[in-house]
C-alpha atoms as a PDB file:
ATOM      1  CA  MET A   1       0.010   0.020   0.065  1.00  0.00           C
ATOM      2  CA  THR A   2       1.362   3.247  -0.883  1.00  0.00           C
ATOM      3  CA  SER A   3       0.762   6.417   1.205  1.00  0.00           C
ATOM      4  CA  LYS A   4       0.600   9.822  -0.170  1.00  0.00           C
ATOM      5  CA  THR A   5       2.635  12.633   1.672  1.00  0.00           C
ATOM      6  CA  TRP A   6       2.521  16.204   1.393  1.00  0.00           C
ATOM      7  CA  LYS A   7       5.605  17.763  -0.326  1.00  0.00           C
ATOM      8  CA  PRO A   8       7.265  20.305   1.649  1.00  0.00           C
ATOM      9  CA  TYR A   9       7.579  22.397  -1.630  1.00  0.00           C
ATOM     10  CA  PRO A  10       4.596  22.422  -3.606  1.00  0.00           C
ATOM     11  CA  LEU A  11       4.412  21.633  -7.302  1.00  0.00           C
ATOM     12  CA  ARG A  12       2.838  25.081  -8.062  1.00  0.00           C
ATOM     13  CA  THR A  13       5.242  27.015  -6.248  1.00  0.00           C
ATOM     14  CA  VAL A  14       8.048  25.095  -8.031  1.00  0.00           C
ATOM     15  CA  VAL A  15       6.656  25.998 -11.390  1.00  0.00           C
ATOM     16  CA  VAL A  16       6.204  29.502 -10.602  1.00  0.00           C
ATOM     17  CA  GLU A  17       9.507  30.059  -9.220  1.00  0.00           C
ATOM     18  CA  LEU A  18      11.209  28.322 -12.123  1.00  0.00           C
ATOM     19  CA  LEU A  19       9.506  30.421 -14.478  1.00  0.00           C
ATOM     20  CA  GLN A  20      10.409  33.629 -12.451  1.00  0.00           C
ATOM     21  CA  ARG A  21      14.187  32.375 -12.514  1.00  0.00           C
ATOM     22  CA  LYS A  22      14.352  31.242 -16.073  1.00  0.00           C
ATOM     23  CA  GLY A  23      11.641  32.990 -18.088  1.00  0.00           C
ATOM     24  CA  ALA A  24       9.394  31.534 -20.644  1.00  0.00           C
ATOM     25  CA  THR A  25      10.357  27.904 -21.568  1.00  0.00           C
ATOM     26  CA  THR A  26       8.948  24.766 -23.225  1.00  0.00           C
ATOM     27  CA  ASP A  27       6.855  22.273 -21.273  1.00  0.00           C
ATOM     28  CA  THR A  28       9.624  19.464 -21.458  1.00  0.00           C
ATOM     29  CA  GLU A  29      12.341  21.866 -20.110  1.00  0.00           C
ATOM     30  CA  LEU A  30       9.989  22.760 -17.283  1.00  0.00           C
ATOM     31  CA  TYR A  31       9.234  19.217 -16.584  1.00  0.00           C
ATOM     32  CA  ASN A  32      12.973  18.395 -16.447  1.00  0.00           C
ATOM     33  CA  MET A  33      13.803  21.192 -14.166  1.00  0.00           C
ATOM     34  CA  ALA A  34      10.780  20.379 -11.862  1.00  0.00           C
ATOM     35  CA  LYS A  35      11.718  16.749 -11.728  1.00  0.00           C
ATOM     36  CA  GLU A  36      15.152  17.597 -10.069  1.00  0.00           C
ATOM     37  CA  ILE A  37      13.004  18.812  -7.031  1.00  0.00           C
ATOM     38  CA  HIS A  38      10.142  16.458  -7.054  1.00  0.00           C
ATOM     39  CA  SER A  39      11.809  13.303  -8.231  1.00  0.00           C
ATOM     40  CA  ASP A  40       8.543  11.215  -8.478  1.00  0.00           C
ATOM     41  CA  LEU A  41       6.753  13.713 -10.678  1.00  0.00           C
ATOM     42  CA  GLY A  42       4.897  12.628 -13.682  1.00  0.00           C
ATOM     43  CA  PHE A  43       4.369  14.535 -16.817  1.00  0.00           C
ATOM     44  CA  ASN A  44       0.587  14.386 -16.691  1.00  0.00           C
ATOM     45  CA  VAL A  45       0.579  15.756 -12.921  1.00  0.00           C
ATOM     46  CA  LEU A  46       2.715  18.703 -14.167  1.00  0.00           C
ATOM     47  CA  ASN A  47       0.268  18.949 -17.231  1.00  0.00           C
ATOM     48  CA  LYS A  48      -2.705  19.151 -14.580  1.00  0.00           C
ATOM     49  CA  GLU A  49      -0.893  21.754 -12.510  1.00  0.00           C
ATOM     50  CA  LEU A  50      -0.220  23.890 -15.490  1.00  0.00           C
ATOM     51  CA  MET A  51      -3.830  23.816 -16.504  1.00  0.00           C
ATOM     52  CA  ARG A  52      -4.912  25.029 -12.990  1.00  0.00           C
ATOM     53  CA  LEU A  53      -2.328  27.774 -13.025  1.00  0.00           C
ATOM     54  CA  GLU A  54      -3.412  28.816 -16.385  1.00  0.00           C
ATOM     55  CA  ILE A  55      -7.191  28.855 -15.383  1.00  0.00           C
ATOM     56  CA  GLU A  56      -6.048  31.134 -12.239  1.00  0.00           C
ATOM     57  CA  GLY A  57      -4.285  33.598 -14.750  1.00  0.00           C
ATOM     58  CA  ILE A  58      -1.086  32.926 -13.335  1.00  0.00           C
ATOM     59  CA  ILE A  59       0.725  31.374 -16.403  1.00  0.00           C
ATOM     60  CA  ASN A  60      -0.039  31.315 -20.290  1.00  0.00           C
ATOM     61  CA  VAL A  61       0.421  27.953 -22.236  1.00  0.00           C
ATOM     62  CA  SER A  62       0.562  28.300 -25.853  1.00  0.00           C
ATOM     63  CA  ALA A  63       1.412  25.795 -28.652  1.00  0.00           C
ATOM     64  CA  LEU A  64       4.907  25.946 -30.501  1.00  0.00           C
ATOM     65  CA  ALA A  65       5.025  22.968 -32.643  1.00  0.00           C
ATOM     66  CA  ARG A  66       3.454  19.543 -32.770  1.00  0.00           C
ATOM     67  CA  GLY A  67       3.701  18.176 -29.359  1.00  0.00           C
ATOM     68  CA  LYS A  68       5.656  21.217 -27.823  1.00  0.00           C
ATOM     69  CA  ARG A  69       4.105  24.035 -25.659  1.00  0.00           C
ATOM     70  CA  ARG A  70       5.553  27.323 -24.455  1.00  0.00           C
ATOM     71  CA  VAL A  71       5.059  28.259 -20.744  1.00  0.00           C
ATOM     72  CA  GLU A  72       5.316  31.613 -19.578  1.00  0.00           C
ATOM     73  CA  LEU A  73       4.676  33.572 -16.476  1.00  0.00           C
ATOM     74  CA  LEU A  74       2.104  36.268 -16.766  1.00  0.00           C
ATOM     75  CA  LYS A  75       2.660  39.723 -15.237  1.00  0.00           C
ATOM     76  CA  ARG A  76       0.344  40.461 -12.285  1.00  0.00           C
ATOM     77  CA  LYS A  77      -1.437  43.725 -11.982  1.00  0.00           C
ATOM     78  CA  ARG A  78      -1.058  45.242  -8.511  1.00  0.00           C
ATOM     79  CA  ARG A  79      -4.397  46.055  -6.888  1.00  0.00           C
ATOM     80  CA  THR A  80      -4.903  49.619  -6.132  1.00  0.00           C
ATOM     81  CA  LYS A  81      -7.019  50.623  -3.236  1.00  0.00           C
END
Protein backbone atom coordinates (compact mmCIF):
# COMPACT_ATOMS: atom_id res chain seq x y z
CA MET A 1 0.00 0.00 0.00
CA THR A 2 1.44 3.35 -1.01
CA SER A 3 0.83 6.35 1.12
CA LYS A 4 0.68 9.85 -0.26
CA THR A 5 2.53 12.48 1.68
CA TRP A 6 2.55 16.23 1.35
CA LYS A 7 5.57 17.66 -0.36
CA PRO A 8 7.38 20.35 1.64
CA TYR A 9 7.61 22.40 -1.55
CA PRO A 10 4.31 22.40 -3.52
CA LEU A 11 4.47 21.82 -7.28
CA ARG A 12 2.68 25.09 -8.09
CA THR A 13 5.36 27.01 -6.17
CA VAL A 14 8.10 25.09 -7.95
CA VAL A 15 6.60 25.92 -11.36
CA VAL A 16 6.14 29.63 -10.60
CA GLU A 17 9.64 30.03 -9.14
CA LEU A 18 11.27 28.20 -12.05
CA LEU A 19 9.46 30.47 -14.51
CA GLN A 20 10.47 33.56 -12.51
CA ARG A 21 14.13 32.52 -12.66
CA LYS A 22 14.33 31.16 -16.20
CA GLY A 23 11.57 33.04 -17.97
CA ALA A 24 9.41 31.49 -20.68
CA THR A 25 10.35 27.91 -21.49
CA THR A 26 8.97 24.76 -23.10
CA ASP A 27 6.88 22.27 -21.17
CA THR A 28 9.54 19.55 -21.51
CA GLU A 29 12.30 21.82 -20.17
CA LEU A 30 10.05 22.84 -17.29
CA TYR A 31 9.29 19.17 -16.59
CA ASN A 32 13.00 18.29 -16.48
CA MET A 33 13.76 21.19 -14.12
CA ALA A 34 10.80 20.37 -11.84
CA LYS A 35 11.74 16.66 -11.83
CA GLU A 36 15.02 17.56 -10.12
CA ILE A 37 13.02 18.94 -7.18
CA HIS A 38 10.09 16.45 -7.24
CA SER A 39 11.77 13.19 -8.23
CA ASP A 40 8.49 11.25 -8.46
CA LEU A 41 6.81 13.82 -10.73
CA GLY A 42 4.90 12.53 -13.75
CA PHE A 43 4.31 14.54 -16.92
CA ASN A 44 0.53 14.22 -16.56
CA VAL A 45 0.71 15.64 -13.01
CA LEU A 46 2.67 18.63 -14.34
CA ASN A 47 0.08 19.12 -17.10
CA LYS A 48 -2.75 19.21 -14.55
CA GLU A 49 -0.90 21.80 -12.49
CA LEU A 50 -0.16 23.89 -15.59
CA MET A 51 -3.87 23.82 -16.43
CA ARG A 52 -4.80 24.98 -12.92
CA LEU A 53 -2.26 27.81 -13.04
CA GLU A 54 -3.48 28.88 -16.47
CA ILE A 55 -7.13 28.92 -15.34
CA GLU A 56 -6.13 31.07 -12.37
CA GLY A 57 -4.39 33.52 -14.72
CA ILE A 58 -0.90 32.96 -13.33
CA ILE A 59 0.68 31.45 -16.46
CA ASN A 60 0.01 31.23 -20.18
CA VAL A 61 0.52 28.04 -22.18
CA SER A 62 0.62 28.25 -25.97
CA ALA A 63 1.41 25.77 -28.74
CA LEU A 64 4.83 26.01 -30.39
CA ALA A 65 5.00 22.95 -32.60
CA ARG A 66 3.41 19.55 -32.63
CA GLY A 67 3.75 18.16 -29.12
CA LYS A 68 5.61 21.21 -27.78
CA ARG A 69 4.19 24.04 -25.73
CA ARG A 70 5.55 27.37 -24.48
CA VAL A 71 4.93 28.16 -20.82
CA GLU A 72 5.31 31.72 -19.57
CA LEU A 73 4.56 33.55 -16.35
CA LEU A 74 2.05 36.36 -16.71
CA LYS A 75 2.78 39.71 -15.17
CA ARG A 76 0.40 40.34 -12.32
CA LYS A 77 -1.30 43.71 -12.01
CA ARG A 78 -1.11 45.19 -8.56
CA ARG A 79 -4.38 46.10 -6.94
CA THR A 80 -4.85 49.72 -6.08
CA LYS A 81 -7.00 50.71 -3.15
